[in-house]
Amino acid sequence: MTVFQMLQTLGRPVAYGYHSTEQELPYFCIVGSGQDQFQADNTYYLVKDRTQIEYYFKKKDPELEAEIETLLLENGFRYDKTEDIYIEDQDVFLIYYDI
């Protein structure tokens, strides 16, 4: 199951990177955030893509956050989570999940 498909199971809108249409809150945006690599002896021993899930919301929903985190863990993803970030010009909050 892809990250996109996994997030869709939560019943909220999901977009990749840039999206030109306004999304209904709460929604998720998936962004590639580089790659971790372990190199030695002129070869790669580990290559792992990093992904960032952006969770946009207007009203705090601890139950949905718990669902997101449970879903990530049940699908084998370890994550780092940011604090609630307020985006004043959009009047929304954002949490980043780095997986």
PDB file of N, CA and C in Angstrom:
ATOM      1  N   MET A   1       0.853  -1.178   0.000  1.00  0.00           N
ATOM      2  CA  MET A   1       0.000   0.000   0.000  1.00  0.00           C
ATOM      3  C   MET A   1       0.900   1.244   0.000  1.00  0.00           C
ATOM      4  N   THR A   2       0.609   2.185  -0.874  1.00  0.00           N
ATOM      5  CA  THR A   2       1.382   3.421  -0.927  1.00  0.00           C
ATOM      6  C   THR A   2       0.964   4.351   0.214  1.00  0.00           C
ATOM      7  N   VAL A   3       1.778   5.362   0.475  1.00  0.00           N
ATOM      8  CA  VAL A   3       1.444   6.353   1.492  1.00  0.00           C
ATOM      9  C   VAL A   3       0.139   7.051   1.113  1.00  0.00           C
ATOM     10  N   PHE A   4      -0.018   7.361  -0.169  1.00  0.00           N
ATOM     11  CA  PHE A   4      -1.240   8.007  -0.659  1.00  0.00           C
ATOM     12  C   PHE A   4      -2.463   7.140  -0.346  1.00  0.00           C
ATOM     13  N   GLN A   5      -2.416   5.862  -0.705  1.00  0.00           N
ATOM     14  CA  GLN A   5      -3.537   4.954  -0.454  1.00  0.00           C
ATOM     15  C   GLN A   5      -3.791   4.795   1.036  1.00  0.00           C
ATOM     16  N   MET A   6      -2.723   4.725   1.800  1.00  0.00           N
ATOM     17  CA  MET A   6      -2.856   4.573   3.252  1.00  0.00           C
ATOM     18  C   MET A   6      -3.615   5.762   3.845  1.00  0.00           C
ATOM     19  N   LEU A   7      -3.233   6.979   3.452  1.00  0.00           N
ATOM     20  CA  LEU A   7      -3.905   8.172   3.989  1.00  0.00           C
ATOM     21  C   LEU A   7      -5.350   8.273   3.520  1.00  0.00           C
ATOM     22  N   GLN A   8      -5.632   7.794   2.318  1.00  0.00           N
ATOM     23  CA  GLN A   8      -7.010   7.823   1.815  1.00  0.00           C
ATOM     24  C   GLN A   8      -7.954   7.028   2.700  1.00  0.00           C
ATOM     25  N   THR A   9      -7.455   6.020   3.395  1.00  0.00           N
ATOM     26  CA  THR A   9      -8.318   5.210   4.258  1.00  0.00           C
ATOM     27  C   THR A   9      -8.885   6.022   5.421  1.00  0.00           C
ATOM     28  N   LEU A  10      -8.297   7.197   5.690  1.00  0.00           N
ATOM     29  CA  LEU A  10      -8.792   8.056   6.763  1.00  0.00           C
ATOM     30  C   LEU A  10      -9.981   8.912   6.326  1.00  0.00           C
ATOM     31  N   GLY A  11     -10.328   8.852   5.021  1.00  0.00           N
ATOM     32  CA  GLY A  11     -11.513   9.551   4.532  1.00  0.00           C
ATOM     33  C   GLY A  11     -11.371  11.058   4.411  1.00  0.00           C
ATOM     34  N   ARG A  12     -10.142  11.539   4.305  1.00  0.00           N
ATOM     35  CA  ARG A  12      -9.882  12.964   4.135  1.00  0.00           C
ATOM     36  C   ARG A  12      -9.204  13.171   2.791  1.00  0.00           C
ATOM     37  N   PRO A  13      -9.280  14.392   2.207  1.00  0.00           N
ATOM     38  CA  PRO A  13      -8.598  14.646   0.939  1.00  0.00           C
ATOM     39  C   PRO A  13      -7.081  14.466   1.073  1.00  0.00           C
ATOM     40  N   VAL A  14      -6.468  13.910   0.018  1.00  0.00           N
ATOM     41  CA  VAL A  14      -5.019  13.700  -0.032  1.00  0.00           C
ATOM     42  C   VAL A  14      -4.511  14.246  -1.352  1.00  0.00           C
ATOM     43  N   ALA A  15      -3.415  15.008  -1.326  1.00  0.00           N
ATOM     44  CA  ALA A  15      -2.817  15.564  -2.543  1.00  0.00           C
ATOM     45  C   ALA A  15      -1.322  15.292  -2.526  1.00  0.00           C
ATOM     46  N   TYR A  16      -0.717  15.298  -3.714  1.00  0.00           N
ATOM     47  CA  TYR A  16       0.738  15.208  -3.839  1.00  0.00           C
ATOM     48  C   TYR A  16       1.298  16.594  -4.076  1.00  0.00           C
ATOM     49  N   GLY A  17       2.310  16.977  -3.313  1.00  0.00           N
ATOM     50  CA  GLY A  17       3.027  18.225  -3.548  1.00  0.00           C
ATOM     51  C   GLY A  17       2.125  19.412  -3.780  1.00  0.00           C
ATOM     52  N   TYR A  18       2.369  20.096  -4.864  1.00  0.00           N
ATOM     53  CA  TYR A  18       1.587  21.283  -5.206  1.00  0.00           C
ATOM     54  C   TYR A  18       0.200  20.868  -5.690  1.00  0.00           C
ATOM     55  N   HIS A  19      -0.815  21.571  -5.246  1.00  0.00           N
ATOM     56  CA  HIS A  19      -2.176  21.316  -5.729  1.00  0.00           C
ATOM     57  C   HIS A  19      -2.814  22.659  -6.036  1.00  0.00           C
ATOM     58  N   SER A  20      -3.480  22.747  -7.183  1.00  0.00           N
ATOM     59  CA  SER A  20      -3.993  24.039  -7.649  1.00  0.00           C
ATOM     60  C   SER A  20      -5.408  24.338  -7.166  1.00  0.00           C
ATOM     61  N   THR A  21      -6.097  23.344  -6.651  1.00  0.00           N
ATOM     62  CA  THR A  21      -7.451  23.576  -6.162  1.00  0.00           C
ATOM     63  C   THR A  21      -7.444  23.608  -4.636  1.00  0.00           C
ATOM     64  N   GLU A  22      -8.289  24.432  -4.085  1.00  0.00           N
ATOM     65  CA  GLU A  22      -8.385  24.531  -2.631  1.00  0.00           C
ATOM     66  C   GLU A  22      -8.972  23.238  -2.079  1.00  0.00           C
ATOM     67  N   GLN A  23      -8.350  22.725  -1.025  1.00  0.00           N
ATOM     68  CA  GLN A  23      -8.786  21.477  -0.409  1.00  0.00           C
ATOM     69  C   GLN A  23      -9.681  21.772   0.796  1.00  0.00           C
ATOM     70  N   GLU A  24     -10.599  20.859   1.043  1.00  0.00           N
ATOM     71  CA  GLU A  24     -11.457  20.983   2.227  1.00  0.00           C
ATOM     72  C   GLU A  24     -10.684  20.505   3.450  1.00  0.00           C
ATOM     73  N   LEU A  25     -10.673  21.305   4.500  1.00  0.00           N
ATOM     74  CA  LEU A  25      -9.974  20.947   5.733  1.00  0.00           C
ATOM     75  C   LEU A  25     -10.751  19.903   6.507  1.00  0.00           C
ATOM     76  N   PRO A  26     -10.077  19.010   7.195  1.00  0.00           N
ATOM     77  CA  PRO A  26      -8.643  18.781   7.198  1.00  0.00           C
ATOM     78  C   PRO A  26      -8.222  17.986   5.957  1.00  0.00           C
ATOM     79  N   TYR A  27      -6.963  18.145   5.551  1.00  0.00           N
ATOM     80  CA  TYR A  27      -6.458  17.387   4.405  1.00  0.00           C
ATOM     81  C   TYR A  27      -4.971  17.131   4.571  1.00  0.00           C
ATOM     82  N   PHE A  28      -4.478  16.219   3.721  1.00  0.00           N
ATOM     83  CA  PHE A  28      -3.076  15.823   3.741  1.00  0.00           C
ATOM     84  C   PHE A  28      -2.415  16.181   2.423  1.00  0.00           C
ATOM     85  N   CYS A  29      -1.142  16.510   2.491  1.00  0.00           N
ATOM     86  CA  CYS A  29      -0.342  16.745   1.304  1.00  0.00           C
ATOM     87  C   CYS A  29       0.940  15.923   1.478  1.00  0.00           C
ATOM     88  N   ILE A  30       1.306  15.154   0.456  1.00  0.00           N
ATOM     89  CA  ILE A  30       2.492  14.310   0.504  1.00  0.00           C
ATOM     90  C   ILE A  30       3.590  14.964  -0.328  1.00  0.00           C
ATOM     91  N   VAL A  31       4.772  15.111   0.273  1.00  0.00           N
ATOM     92  CA  VAL A  31       5.890  15.761  -0.401  1.00  0.00           C
ATOM     93  C   VAL A  31       7.141  14.901  -0.230  1.00  0.00           C
ATOM     94  N   GLY A  32       7.854  14.653  -1.320  1.00  0.00           N
ATOM     95  CA  GLY A  32       9.137  13.970  -1.226  1.00  0.00           C
ATOM     96  C   GLY A  32      10.133  14.890  -0.544  1.00  0.00           C
ATOM     97  N   SER A  33      10.928  14.359   0.371  1.00  0.00           N
ATOM     98  CA  SER A  33      11.856  15.224   1.104  1.00  0.00           C
ATOM     99  C   SER A  33      13.288  14.679   1.077  1.00  0.00           C
ATOM    100  N   GLY A  34      13.668  14.128  -0.063  1.00  0.00           N
ATOM    101  CA  GLY A  34      15.052  13.691  -0.228  1.00  0.00           C
ATOM    102  C   GLY A  34      15.242  12.216  -0.021  1.00  0.00           C
ATOM    103  N   GLN A  35      16.476  11.867   0.272  1.00  0.00           N
ATOM    104  CA  GLN A  35      16.838  10.460   0.359  1.00  0.00           C
ATOM    105  C   GLN A  35      17.960  10.283   1.375  1.00  0.00           C
ATOM    106  N   ASP A  36      17.873   9.217   2.150  1.00  0.00           N
ATOM    107  CA  ASP A  36      18.969   8.833   3.031  1.00  0.00           C
ATOM    108  C   ASP A  36      19.787   7.782   2.297  1.00  0.00           C
ATOM    109  N   GLN A  37      21.107   7.923   2.367  1.00  0.00           N
ATOM    110  CA  GLN A  37      21.982   6.976   1.687  1.00  0.00           C
ATOM    111  C   GLN A  37      23.141   6.611   2.597  1.00  0.00           C
ATOM    112  N   PHE A  38      23.535   5.351   2.531  1.00  0.00           N
ATOM    113  CA  PHE A  38      24.749   4.912   3.191  1.00  0.00           C
ATOM    114  C   PHE A  38      25.658   4.387   2.100  1.00  0.00           C
ATOM    115  N   GLN A  39      26.823   5.030   1.944  1.00  0.00           N
ATOM    116  CA  GLN A  39      27.751   4.679   0.882  1.00  0.00           C
ATOM    117  C   GLN A  39      29.088   4.253   1.472  1.00  0.00           C
ATOM    118  N   ALA A  40      29.681   3.258   0.833  1.00  0.00           N
ATOM    119  CA  ALA A  40      31.035   2.829   1.185  1.00  0.00           C
ATOM    120  C   ALA A  40      31.564   1.975   0.038  1.00  0.00           C
ATOM    121  N   ASP A  41      32.862   1.964  -0.125  1.00  0.00           N
ATOM    122  CA  ASP A  41      33.501   1.127  -1.144  1.00  0.00           C
ATOM    123  C   ASP A  41      32.898   1.343  -2.522  1.00  0.00           C
ATOM    124  N   ASN A  42      32.624   2.605  -2.862  1.00  0.00           N
ATOM    125  CA  ASN A  42      32.080   2.979  -4.175  1.00  0.00           C
ATOM    126  C   ASN A  42      30.738   2.319  -4.502  1.00  0.00           C
ATOM    127  N   THR A  43      29.942   2.044  -3.487  1.00  0.00           N
ATOM    128  CA  THR A  43      28.609   1.490  -3.727  1.00  0.00           C
ATOM    129  C   THR A  43      27.644   1.993  -2.654  1.00  0.00           C
ATOM    130  N   TYR A  44      26.364   1.826  -2.901  1.00  0.00           N
ATOM    131  CA  TYR A  44      25.330   2.199  -1.946  1.00  0.00           C
ATOM    132  C   TYR A  44      24.863   0.940  -1.218  1.00  0.00           C
ATOM    133  N   TYR A  45      24.918   0.968   0.091  1.00  0.00           N
ATOM    134  CA  TYR A  45      24.452  -0.161   0.888  1.00  0.00           C
ATOM    135  C   TYR A  45      23.024   0.050   1.372  1.00  0.00           C
ATOM    136  N   LEU A  46      22.613   1.307   1.438  1.00  0.00           N
ATOM    137  CA  LEU A  46      21.247   1.614   1.867  1.00  0.00           C
ATOM    138  C   LEU A  46      20.797   2.881   1.150  1.00  0.00           C
ATOM    139  N   VAL A  47      19.650   2.803   0.514  1.00  0.00           N
ATOM    140  CA  VAL A  47      19.032   3.975  -0.104  1.00  0.00           C
ATOM    141  C   VAL A  47      17.576   3.970   0.336  1.00  0.00           C
ATOM    142  N   LYS A  48      17.169   5.039   1.006  1.00  0.00           N
ATOM    143  CA  LYS A  48      15.801   5.109   1.518  1.00  0.00           C
ATOM    144  C   LYS A  48      15.231   6.488   1.232  1.00  0.00           C
ATOM    145  N   ASP A  49      14.114   6.518   0.510  1.00  0.00           N
ATOM    146  CA  ASP A  49      13.445   7.782   0.224  1.00  0.00           C
ATOM    147  C   ASP A  49      12.776   8.311   1.482  1.00  0.00           C
ATOM    148  N   ARG A  50      12.845   9.631   1.648  1.00  0.00           N
ATOM    149  CA  ARG A  50      12.159  10.282   2.757  1.00  0.00           C
ATOM    150  C   ARG A  50      10.895  10.955   2.221  1.00  0.00           C
ATOM    151  N   THR A  51       9.850  10.904   3.009  1.00  0.00           N
ATOM    152  CA  THR A  51       8.570  11.501   2.639  1.00  0.00           C
ATOM    153  C   THR A  51       8.073  12.341   3.797  1.00  0.00           C
ATOM    154  N   GLN A  52       7.442  13.450   3.442  1.00  0.00           N
ATOM    155  CA  GLN A  52       6.856  14.314   4.463  1.00  0.00           C
ATOM    156  C   GLN A  52       5.345  14.371   4.230  1.00  0.00           C
ATOM    157  N   ILE A  53       4.595  14.096   5.267  1.00  0.00           N
ATOM    158  CA  ILE A  53       3.141  14.221   5.218  1.00  0.00           C
ATOM    159  C   ILE A  53       2.797  15.530   5.912  1.00  0.00           C
ATOM    160  N   GLU A  54       2.103  16.399   5.192  1.00  0.00           N
ATOM    161  CA  GLU A  54       1.649  17.659   5.757  1.00  0.00           C
ATOM    162  C   GLU A  54       0.169  17.496   6.096  1.00  0.00           C
ATOM    163  N   TYR A  55      -0.172  17.733   7.347  1.00  0.00           N
ATOM    164  CA  TYR A  55      -1.553  17.606   7.819  1.00  0.00           C
ATOM    165  C   TYR A  55      -2.058  19.009   8.136  1.00  0.00           C
ATOM    166  N   TYR A  56      -3.002  19.497   7.325  1.00  0.00           N
ATOM    167  CA  TYR A  56      -3.574  20.841   7.486  1.00  0.00           C
ATOM    168  C   TYR A  56      -4.934  20.735   8.167  1.00  0.00           C
ATOM    169  N   PHE A  57      -5.176  21.622   9.125  1.00  0.00           N
ATOM    170  CA  PHE A  57      -6.447  21.589   9.846  1.00  0.00           C
ATOM    171  C   PHE A  57      -6.757  22.958  10.435  1.00  0.00           C
ATOM    172  N   LYS A  58      -8.014  23.162  10.743  1.00  0.00           N
ATOM    173  CA  LYS A  58      -8.453  24.409  11.371  1.00  0.00           C
ATOM    174  C   LYS A  58      -8.715  24.189  12.857  1.00  0.00           C
ATOM    175  N   LYS A  59      -9.299  23.046  13.180  1.00  0.00           N
ATOM    176  CA  LYS A  59      -9.666  22.718  14.561  1.00  0.00           C
ATOM    177  C   LYS A  59      -8.881  21.481  15.006  1.00  0.00           C
ATOM    178  N   LYS A  60      -8.264  21.563  16.158  1.00  0.00           N
ATOM    179  CA  LYS A  60      -7.472  20.456  16.709  1.00  0.00           C
ATOM    180  C   LYS A  60      -8.341  19.223  16.881  1.00  0.00           C
ATOM    181  N   ASP A  61      -7.846  18.073  16.381  1.00  0.00           N
ATOM    182  CA  ASP A  61      -8.573  16.814  16.469  1.00  0.00           C
ATOM    183  C   ASP A  61      -7.615  15.723  16.947  1.00  0.00           C
ATOM    184  N   PRO A  62      -7.454  15.581  18.266  1.00  0.00           N
ATOM    185  CA  PRO A  62      -6.526  14.584  18.801  1.00  0.00           C
ATOM    186  C   PRO A  62      -6.848  13.160  18.355  1.00  0.00           C
ATOM    187  N   GLU A  63      -8.120  12.855  18.143  1.00  0.00           N
ATOM    188  CA  GLU A  63      -8.492  11.508  17.694  1.00  0.00           C
ATOM    189  C   GLU A  63      -7.970  11.237  16.286  1.00  0.00           C
ATOM    190  N   LEU A  64      -8.087  12.206  15.386  1.00  0.00           N
ATOM    191  CA  LEU A  64      -7.563  12.029  14.032  1.00  0.00           C
ATOM    192  C   LEU A  64      -6.048  11.914  14.058  1.00  0.00           C
ATOM    193  N   GLU A  65      -5.385  12.707  14.879  1.00  0.00           N
ATOM    194  CA  GLU A  65      -3.937  12.602  14.994  1.00  0.00           C
ATOM    195  C   GLU A  65      -3.539  11.207  15.483  1.00  0.00           C
ATOM    196  N   ALA A  66      -4.279  10.671  16.443  1.00  0.00           N
ATOM    197  CA  ALA A  66      -4.003   9.313  16.936  1.00  0.00           C
ATOM    198  C   ALA A  66      -4.229   8.286  15.822  1.00  0.00           C
ATOM    199  N   GLU A  67      -5.266   8.480  14.992  1.00  0.00           N
ATOM    200  CA  GLU A  67      -5.510   7.584  13.861  1.00  0.00           C
ATOM    201  C   GLU A  67      -4.352   7.630  12.867  1.00  0.00           C
ATOM    202  N   ILE A  68      -3.870   8.831  12.563  1.00  0.00           N
ATOM    203  CA  ILE A  68      -2.743   8.989  11.640  1.00  0.00           C
ATOM    204  C   ILE A  68      -1.534   8.228  12.173  1.00  0.00           C
ATOM    205  N   GLU A  69      -1.219   8.445  13.423  1.00  0.00           N
ATOM    206  CA  GLU A  69      -0.032   7.849  14.025  1.00  0.00           C
ATOM    207  C   GLU A  69      -0.154   6.331  14.127  1.00  0.00           C
ATOM    208  N   THR A  70      -1.324   5.842  14.466  1.00  0.00           N
ATOM    209  CA  THR A  70      -1.551   4.390  14.508  1.00  0.00           C
ATOM    210  C   THR A  70      -1.408   3.793  13.116  1.00  0.00           C
ATOM    211  N   LEU A  71      -1.983   4.455  12.121  1.00  0.00           N
ATOM    212  CA  LEU A  71      -1.899   3.991  10.736  1.00  0.00           C
ATOM    213  C   LEU A  71      -0.442   3.915  10.273  1.00  0.00           C
ATOM    214  N   LEU A  72       0.337   4.937  10.585  1.00  0.00           N
ATOM    215  CA  LEU A  72       1.752   4.929  10.207  1.00  0.00           C
ATOM    216  C   LEU A  72       2.489   3.767  10.865  1.00  0.00           C
ATOM    217  N   LEU A  73       2.299   3.604  12.166  1.00  0.00           N
ATOM    218  CA  LEU A  73       2.990   2.532  12.888  1.00  0.00           C
ATOM    219  C   LEU A  73       2.551   1.147  12.414  1.00  0.00           C
ATOM    220  N   GLU A  74       1.254   0.964  12.187  1.00  0.00           N
ATOM    221  CA  GLU A  74       0.750  -0.345  11.739  1.00  0.00           C
ATOM    222  C   GLU A  74       1.264  -0.716  10.348  1.00  0.00           C
ATOM    223  N   ASN A  75       1.655   0.287   9.558  1.00  0.00           N
ATOM    224  CA  ASN A  75       2.167   0.035   8.220  1.00  0.00           C
ATOM    225  C   ASN A  75       3.693   0.103   8.160  1.00  0.00           C
ATOM    226  N   GLY A  76       4.324   0.054   9.327  1.00  0.00           N
ATOM    227  CA  GLY A  76       5.774  -0.054   9.395  1.00  0.00           C
ATOM    228  C   GLY A  76       6.544   1.240   9.238  1.00  0.00           C
ATOM    229  N   PHE A  77       5.876   2.379   9.403  1.00  0.00           N
ATOM    230  CA  PHE A  77       6.552   3.666   9.279  1.00  0.00           C
ATOM    231  C   PHE A  77       6.874   4.234  10.652  1.00  0.00           C
ATOM    232  N   ARG A  78       8.137   4.585  10.858  1.00  0.00           N
ATOM    233  CA  ARG A  78       8.516   5.377  12.025  1.00  0.00           C
ATOM    234  C   ARG A  78       8.403   6.822  11.592  1.00  0.00           C
ATOM    235  N   TYR A  79       8.074   7.699  12.493  1.00  0.00           N
ATOM    236  CA  TYR A  79       7.848   9.087  12.101  1.00  0.00           C
ATOM    237  C   TYR A  79       8.374  10.058  13.146  1.00  0.00           C
ATOM    238  N   ASP A  80       8.648  11.259  12.687  1.00  0.00           N
ATOM    239  CA  ASP A  80       8.904  12.402  13.548  1.00  0.00           C
ATOM    240  C   ASP A  80       7.752  13.368  13.323  1.00  0.00           C
ATOM    241  N   LYS A  81       7.249  13.948  14.390  1.00  0.00           N
ATOM    242  CA  LYS A  81       6.087  14.834  14.325  1.00  0.00           C
ATOM    243  C   LYS A  81       6.465  16.200  14.858  1.00  0.00           C
ATOM    244  N   THR A  82       6.030  17.256  14.156  1.00  0.00           N
ATOM    245  CA  THR A  82       6.279  18.610  14.625  1.00  0.00           C
ATOM    246  C   THR A  82       5.159  19.063  15.554  1.00  0.00           C
ATOM    247  N   GLU A  83       5.377  20.218  16.147  1.00  0.00           N
ATOM    248  CA  GLU A  83       4.303  20.855  16.911  1.00  0.00           C
ATOM    249  C   GLU A  83       3.269  21.419  15.943  1.00  0.00           C
ATOM    250  N   ASP A  84       2.155  21.914  16.472  1.00  0.00           N
ATOM    251  CA  ASP A  84       1.157  22.594  15.639  1.00  0.00           C
ATOM    252  C   ASP A  84       1.756  23.921  15.175  1.00  0.00           C
ATOM    253  N   ILE A  85       1.781  24.131  13.873  1.00  0.00           N
ATOM    254  CA  ILE A  85       2.334  25.357  13.294  1.00  0.00           C
ATOM    255  C   ILE A  85       1.174  26.164  12.720  1.00  0.00           C
ATOM    256  N   TYR A  86       1.004  27.386  13.188  1.00  0.00           N
ATOM    257  CA  TYR A  86      -0.072  28.237  12.692  1.00  0.00           C
ATOM    258  C   TYR A  86       0.415  29.020  11.484  1.00  0.00           C
ATOM    259  N   ILE A  87      -0.337  28.954  10.376  1.00  0.00           N
ATOM    260  CA  ILE A  87      -0.027  29.707   9.166  1.00  0.00           C
ATOM    261  C   ILE A  87      -1.022  30.849   9.103  1.00  0.00           C
ATOM    262  N   GLU A  88      -0.569  32.013   9.513  1.00  0.00           N
ATOM    263  CA  GLU A  88      -1.463  33.147   9.711  1.00  0.00           C
ATOM    264  C   GLU A  88      -2.190  33.582   8.439  1.00  0.00           C
ATOM    265  N   ASP A  89      -1.472  33.690   7.317  1.00  0.00           N
ATOM    266  CA  ASP A  89      -2.108  34.194   6.094  1.00  0.00           C
ATOM    267  C   ASP A  89      -3.144  33.230   5.515  1.00  0.00           C
ATOM    268  N   GLN A  90      -3.093  31.954   5.919  1.00  0.00           N
ATOM    269  CA  GLN A  90      -4.088  30.985   5.466  1.00  0.00           C
ATOM    270  C   GLN A  90      -5.091  30.641   6.565  1.00  0.00           C
ATOM    271  N   ASP A  91      -4.820  31.099   7.795  1.00  0.00           N
ATOM    272  CA  ASP A  91      -5.652  30.829   8.961  1.00  0.00           C
ATOM    273  C   ASP A  91      -5.886  29.329   9.154  1.00  0.00           C
ATOM    274  N   VAL A  92      -4.789  28.559   9.061  1.00  0.00           N
ATOM    275  CA  VAL A  92      -4.841  27.115   9.280  1.00  0.00           C
ATOM    276  C   VAL A  92      -3.643  26.698  10.121  1.00  0.00           C
ATOM    277  N   PHE A  93      -3.739  25.496  10.651  1.00  0.00           N
ATOM    278  CA  PHE A  93      -2.629  24.882  11.368  1.00  0.00           C
ATOM    279  C   PHE A  93      -2.047  23.782  10.503  1.00  0.00           C
ATOM    280  N   LEU A  94      -0.780  23.450  10.770  1.00  0.00           N
ATOM    281  CA  LEU A  94      -0.067  22.436  10.008  1.00  0.00           C
ATOM    282  C   LEU A  94       0.778  21.615  10.959  1.00  0.00           C
ATOM    283  N   ILE A  95       0.771  20.307  10.736  1.00  0.00           N
ATOM    284  CA  ILE A  95       1.695  19.396  11.433  1.00  0.00           C
ATOM    285  C   ILE A  95       2.432  18.615  10.350  1.00  0.00           C
ATOM    286  N   TYR A  96       3.755  18.511  10.480  1.00  0.00           N
ATOM    287  CA  TYR A  96       4.558  17.700   9.573  1.00  0.00           C
ATOM    288  C   TYR A  96       4.824  16.348  10.220  1.00  0.00           C
ATOM    289  N   TYR A  97       4.614  15.290   9.453  1.00  0.00           N
ATOM    290  CA  TYR A  97       5.041  13.939   9.835  1.00  0.00           C
ATOM    291  C   TYR A  97       6.137  13.556   8.847  1.00  0.00           C
ATOM    292  N   ASP A  98       7.357  13.407   9.335  1.00  0.00           N
ATOM    293  CA  ASP A  98       8.466  12.963   8.490  1.00  0.00           C
ATOM    294  C   ASP A  98       8.611  11.459   8.644  1.00  0.00           C
ATOM    295  N   ILE A  99       8.489  10.770   7.506  1.00  0.00           N
ATOM    296  CA  ILE A  99       8.598   9.303   7.542  1.00  0.00           C
ATOM    297  C   ILE A  99       9.708   8.850   6.608  1.00  0.00           C
TER     298      ILE A  99
END
